Amino acid sequence: MVQNLETRVKREDTKIIRVIPKTHERLTKHGRKGETYNQIITRLIEEPEFMEKAEKVLEKANEAERIHQQDGKRTFELEQSFAEMKRLIEQFVNELKTR
């Protein structure tokens, strides 16, 4: 089995974060089986960012759909919407690759 990067991190490369017991309990409840606290915190931070980016792409898709339904001949506007969706998706995918 391949070791997770976090299990190979040297002790001197880690930081201690002091939290009150209630916060610790809440983090534990949000965790999944086998998930580290670092993974829990990262997921809780990244999920809202993911949703925000996904909502922008969905907004562009809805805009393209409205344009097409109003007048299927507005090709230029449709192409712009699709190009913007592609740009947003590529930007998000590239950001995910760097994490």
N, C-alpha and C. Protein backbone atom coordinates (compact mmCIF):
# COMPACT_ATOMS: atom_id res chain seq x y z
N MET A 1 0.84 -1.18 0.00
CA MET A 1 0.00 0.00 0.00
C MET A 1 0.88 1.25 0.00
N VAL A 2 0.54 2.22 -0.84
CA VAL A 2 1.32 3.44 -0.94
C VAL A 2 1.03 4.31 0.28
N GLN A 3 2.09 4.81 0.89
CA GLN A 3 1.91 5.67 2.05
C GLN A 3 1.41 7.04 1.64
N ASN A 4 0.52 7.57 2.42
CA ASN A 4 0.03 8.92 2.21
C ASN A 4 1.17 9.88 2.52
N LEU A 5 1.25 10.97 1.74
CA LEU A 5 2.30 11.96 1.94
C LEU A 5 2.33 12.46 3.38
N GLU A 6 1.16 12.63 3.97
CA GLU A 6 1.09 13.15 5.33
C GLU A 6 1.71 12.20 6.35
N THR A 7 1.70 10.91 6.09
CA THR A 7 2.27 9.97 7.04
C THR A 7 3.79 9.98 6.98
N ARG A 8 4.36 10.55 5.91
CA ARG A 8 5.80 10.61 5.76
C ARG A 8 6.39 11.96 6.15
N VAL A 9 5.56 12.90 6.56
CA VAL A 9 6.03 14.23 6.93
C VAL A 9 6.86 14.14 8.21
N LYS A 10 8.00 14.78 8.21
CA LYS A 10 8.86 14.77 9.39
C LYS A 10 8.22 15.59 10.50
N ARG A 11 8.49 15.21 11.70
CA ARG A 11 7.90 15.90 12.85
C ARG A 11 8.22 17.38 12.84
N GLU A 12 9.43 17.76 12.43
CA GLU A 12 9.80 19.18 12.44
C GLU A 12 9.10 19.96 11.34
N ASP A 13 8.42 19.26 10.41
CA ASP A 13 7.67 19.93 9.34
C ASP A 13 6.21 20.13 9.72
N THR A 14 5.84 19.83 10.94
CA THR A 14 4.45 19.98 11.37
C THR A 14 4.33 21.13 12.36
N LYS A 15 3.10 21.59 12.53
CA LYS A 15 2.80 22.66 13.49
C LYS A 15 1.72 22.15 14.44
N ILE A 16 1.75 22.65 15.66
CA ILE A 16 0.73 22.32 16.65
C ILE A 16 -0.29 23.45 16.64
N ILE A 17 -1.56 23.07 16.54
CA ILE A 17 -2.65 24.04 16.61
C ILE A 17 -3.46 23.72 17.85
N ARG A 18 -3.51 24.65 18.76
CA ARG A 18 -4.25 24.43 19.99
C ARG A 18 -5.72 24.80 19.77
N VAL A 19 -6.59 23.87 20.11
CA VAL A 19 -8.03 24.10 20.00
C VAL A 19 -8.69 23.66 21.30
N ILE A 20 -9.84 24.24 21.57
CA ILE A 20 -10.57 23.83 22.76
C ILE A 20 -11.19 22.46 22.50
N PRO A 21 -11.50 21.71 23.54
CA PRO A 21 -12.06 20.36 23.37
C PRO A 21 -13.29 20.32 22.47
N LYS A 22 -14.15 21.33 22.55
CA LYS A 22 -15.37 21.34 21.72
C LYS A 22 -15.00 21.39 20.23
N THR A 23 -14.00 22.19 19.88
CA THR A 23 -13.56 22.28 18.49
C THR A 23 -12.95 20.95 18.05
N HIS A 24 -12.16 20.35 18.92
CA HIS A 24 -11.57 19.04 18.62
C HIS A 24 -12.67 18.01 18.36
N GLU A 25 -13.69 18.03 19.20
CA GLU A 25 -14.81 17.10 19.06
C GLU A 25 -15.53 17.34 17.72
N ARG A 26 -15.72 18.61 17.37
CA ARG A 26 -16.39 18.93 16.10
C ARG A 26 -15.55 18.47 14.91
N LEU A 27 -14.24 18.67 14.96
CA LEU A 27 -13.37 18.20 13.88
C LEU A 27 -13.46 16.69 13.75
N THR A 28 -13.45 16.00 14.88
CA THR A 28 -13.54 14.55 14.88
C THR A 28 -14.84 14.09 14.23
N LYS A 29 -15.95 14.76 14.56
CA LYS A 29 -17.25 14.39 13.99
C LYS A 29 -17.29 14.64 12.48
N HIS A 30 -16.56 15.65 12.00
CA HIS A 30 -16.53 15.95 10.57
C HIS A 30 -15.59 15.03 9.81
N GLY A 31 -14.76 14.31 10.54
CA GLY A 31 -13.78 13.45 9.90
C GLY A 31 -14.38 12.17 9.37
N ARG A 32 -13.67 11.60 8.42
CA ARG A 32 -14.05 10.31 7.85
C ARG A 32 -13.05 9.27 8.34
N LYS A 33 -13.43 8.03 8.28
CA LYS A 33 -12.56 6.96 8.77
C LYS A 33 -11.19 7.03 8.10
N GLY A 34 -10.14 7.05 8.91
CA GLY A 34 -8.77 7.07 8.41
C GLY A 34 -8.26 8.45 8.01
N GLU A 35 -9.09 9.46 8.16
CA GLU A 35 -8.71 10.81 7.74
C GLU A 35 -7.94 11.51 8.86
N THR A 36 -6.86 12.18 8.50
CA THR A 36 -6.08 12.92 9.50
C THR A 36 -6.76 14.27 9.78
N TYR A 37 -6.37 14.89 10.88
CA TYR A 37 -6.92 16.22 11.17
C TYR A 37 -6.51 17.21 10.08
N ASN A 38 -5.33 17.07 9.56
CA ASN A 38 -4.89 17.93 8.46
C ASN A 38 -5.83 17.78 7.25
N GLN A 39 -6.18 16.54 6.93
CA GLN A 39 -7.08 16.30 5.81
C GLN A 39 -8.48 16.86 6.08
N ILE A 40 -8.96 16.72 7.31
CA ILE A 40 -10.27 17.25 7.68
C ILE A 40 -10.29 18.76 7.51
N ILE A 41 -9.29 19.42 8.07
CA ILE A 41 -9.23 20.89 8.01
C ILE A 41 -9.11 21.35 6.56
N THR A 42 -8.24 20.70 5.79
CA THR A 42 -8.07 21.06 4.38
C THR A 42 -9.38 20.91 3.62
N ARG A 43 -10.07 19.80 3.83
CA ARG A 43 -11.35 19.57 3.14
C ARG A 43 -12.38 20.64 3.53
N LEU A 44 -12.44 20.96 4.82
CA LEU A 44 -13.42 21.96 5.27
C LEU A 44 -13.12 23.35 4.70
N ILE A 45 -11.87 23.63 4.46
CA ILE A 45 -11.48 24.91 3.86
C ILE A 45 -11.76 24.90 2.36
N GLU A 46 -11.43 23.78 1.70
CA GLU A 46 -11.52 23.73 0.24
C GLU A 46 -12.93 23.54 -0.29
N GLU A 47 -13.82 22.89 0.46
CA GLU A 47 -15.17 22.64 -0.06
C GLU A 47 -15.90 23.93 -0.42
N PRO A 48 -15.88 24.97 0.42
CA PRO A 48 -16.55 26.22 0.02
C PRO A 48 -15.89 26.85 -1.21
N GLU A 49 -14.57 26.76 -1.32
CA GLU A 49 -13.87 27.29 -2.49
C GLU A 49 -14.32 26.53 -3.75
N PHE A 50 -14.42 25.22 -3.63
CA PHE A 50 -14.86 24.40 -4.75
C PHE A 50 -16.27 24.79 -5.16
N MET A 51 -17.16 24.94 -4.19
CA MET A 51 -18.54 25.28 -4.49
C MET A 51 -18.63 26.64 -5.19
N GLU A 52 -17.85 27.60 -4.73
CA GLU A 52 -17.86 28.93 -5.35
C GLU A 52 -17.45 28.84 -6.81
N LYS A 53 -16.41 28.09 -7.10
CA LYS A 53 -15.93 27.95 -8.49
C LYS A 53 -16.93 27.16 -9.33
N ALA A 54 -17.50 26.11 -8.77
CA ALA A 54 -18.48 25.31 -9.49
C ALA A 54 -19.73 26.13 -9.80
N GLU A 55 -20.13 27.00 -8.87
CA GLU A 55 -21.31 27.85 -9.09
C GLU A 55 -21.08 28.83 -10.24
N LYS A 56 -19.84 29.33 -10.39
CA LYS A 56 -19.53 30.23 -11.50
C LYS A 56 -19.69 29.51 -12.83
N VAL A 57 -19.20 28.27 -12.91
CA VAL A 57 -19.32 27.49 -14.14
C VAL A 57 -20.80 27.20 -14.42
N LEU A 58 -21.54 26.83 -13.39
CA LEU A 58 -22.96 26.55 -13.56
C LEU A 58 -23.70 27.79 -14.03
N GLU A 59 -23.36 28.95 -13.49
CA GLU A 59 -23.97 30.21 -13.91
C GLU A 59 -23.74 30.45 -15.40
N LYS A 60 -22.51 30.21 -15.86
CA LYS A 60 -22.20 30.37 -17.28
C LYS A 60 -22.98 29.37 -18.13
N ALA A 61 -23.11 28.13 -17.67
CA ALA A 61 -23.87 27.13 -18.40
C ALA A 61 -25.34 27.53 -18.50
N ASN A 62 -25.90 28.03 -17.41
CA ASN A 62 -27.29 28.50 -17.42
C ASN A 62 -27.46 29.69 -18.36
N GLU A 63 -26.47 30.57 -18.38
CA GLU A 63 -26.51 31.72 -19.29
C GLU A 63 -26.51 31.25 -20.74
N ALA A 64 -25.66 30.29 -21.06
CA ALA A 64 -25.60 29.75 -22.43
C ALA A 64 -26.93 29.10 -22.80
N GLU A 65 -27.52 28.38 -21.86
CA GLU A 65 -28.80 27.74 -22.11
C GLU A 65 -29.89 28.78 -22.37
N ARG A 66 -29.92 29.86 -21.58
CA ARG A 66 -30.91 30.93 -21.78
C ARG A 66 -30.75 31.57 -23.16
N ILE A 67 -29.50 31.85 -23.53
CA ILE A 67 -29.23 32.47 -24.83
C ILE A 67 -29.76 31.57 -25.94
N HIS A 68 -29.47 30.28 -25.83
CA HIS A 68 -29.89 29.34 -26.86
C HIS A 68 -31.42 29.23 -26.92
N GLN A 69 -32.07 29.21 -25.76
CA GLN A 69 -33.53 29.09 -25.73
C GLN A 69 -34.21 30.34 -26.28
N GLN A 70 -33.62 31.50 -26.01
CA GLN A 70 -34.21 32.76 -26.50
C GLN A 70 -34.07 32.86 -28.01
N ASP A 71 -32.91 32.55 -28.49
CA ASP A 71 -32.65 32.68 -29.93
C ASP A 71 -31.46 31.80 -30.27
N GLY A 72 -31.73 30.66 -30.81
CA GLY A 72 -30.69 29.70 -31.13
C GLY A 72 -29.66 30.20 -32.13
N LYS A 73 -29.89 31.36 -32.71
CA LYS A 73 -28.98 31.89 -33.72
C LYS A 73 -27.90 32.81 -33.13
N ARG A 74 -27.94 33.05 -31.86
CA ARG A 74 -26.95 33.94 -31.22
C ARG A 74 -25.67 33.17 -30.94
N THR A 75 -25.07 32.70 -31.99
CA THR A 75 -23.90 31.83 -31.90
C THR A 75 -22.73 32.51 -31.20
N PHE A 76 -22.49 33.77 -31.48
CA PHE A 76 -21.36 34.47 -30.89
C PHE A 76 -21.45 34.48 -29.36
N GLU A 77 -22.63 34.82 -28.82
CA GLU A 77 -22.81 34.84 -27.37
C GLU A 77 -22.65 33.45 -26.77
N LEU A 78 -23.18 32.44 -27.48
CA LEU A 78 -23.02 31.06 -27.00
C LEU A 78 -21.54 30.67 -26.97
N GLU A 79 -20.82 31.00 -28.02
CA GLU A 79 -19.39 30.67 -28.06
C GLU A 79 -18.64 31.36 -26.94
N GLN A 80 -19.00 32.61 -26.65
CA GLN A 80 -18.36 33.34 -25.55
C GLN A 80 -18.64 32.65 -24.22
N SER A 81 -19.88 32.24 -24.00
CA SER A 81 -20.24 31.58 -22.75
C SER A 81 -19.49 30.26 -22.60
N PHE A 82 -19.43 29.48 -23.68
CA PHE A 82 -18.71 28.21 -23.61
C PHE A 82 -17.21 28.43 -23.40
N ALA A 83 -16.66 29.45 -24.04
CA ALA A 83 -15.23 29.75 -23.85
C ALA A 83 -14.95 30.14 -22.41
N GLU A 84 -15.86 30.92 -21.82
CA GLU A 84 -15.69 31.34 -20.42
C GLU A 84 -15.82 30.13 -19.48
N MET A 85 -16.78 29.23 -19.76
CA MET A 85 -16.91 28.02 -18.95
C MET A 85 -15.63 27.20 -19.03
N LYS A 86 -15.11 27.03 -20.23
CA LYS A 86 -13.88 26.26 -20.41
C LYS A 86 -12.73 26.90 -19.65
N ARG A 87 -12.61 28.23 -19.72
CA ARG A 87 -11.55 28.94 -19.02
C ARG A 87 -11.67 28.72 -17.52
N LEU A 88 -12.88 28.84 -16.97
CA LEU A 88 -13.10 28.65 -15.54
C LEU A 88 -12.76 27.23 -15.11
N ILE A 89 -13.15 26.25 -15.90
CA ILE A 89 -12.86 24.86 -15.57
C ILE A 89 -11.36 24.59 -15.63
N GLU A 90 -10.69 25.07 -16.68
CA GLU A 90 -9.24 24.88 -16.80
C GLU A 90 -8.51 25.53 -15.63
N GLN A 91 -8.93 26.72 -15.26
CA GLN A 91 -8.31 27.44 -14.14
C GLN A 91 -8.46 26.62 -12.85
N PHE A 92 -9.66 26.10 -12.63
CA PHE A 92 -9.92 25.32 -11.42
C PHE A 92 -9.12 24.03 -11.42
N VAL A 93 -9.08 23.33 -12.54
CA VAL A 93 -8.34 22.07 -12.63
C VAL A 93 -6.84 22.33 -12.39
N ASN A 94 -6.31 23.37 -12.97
CA ASN A 94 -4.89 23.69 -12.76
C ASN A 94 -4.62 24.04 -11.30
N GLU A 95 -5.55 24.72 -10.66
CA GLU A 95 -5.40 25.04 -9.24
C GLU A 95 -5.40 23.77 -8.41
N LEU A 96 -6.29 22.84 -8.74
CA LEU A 96 -6.35 21.56 -8.00
C LEU A 96 -5.05 20.79 -8.16
N LYS A 97 -4.44 20.83 -9.33
CA LYS A 97 -3.20 20.11 -9.57
C LYS A 97 -2.06 20.62 -8.70
N THR A 98 -2.11 21.89 -8.31
CA THR A 98 -1.03 22.47 -7.50
C THR A 98 -1.23 22.22 -6.01
N ARG A 99 -2.36 21.68 -5.61
CA ARG A 99 -2.63 21.45 -4.18
C ARG A 99 -2.04 20.14 -3.73
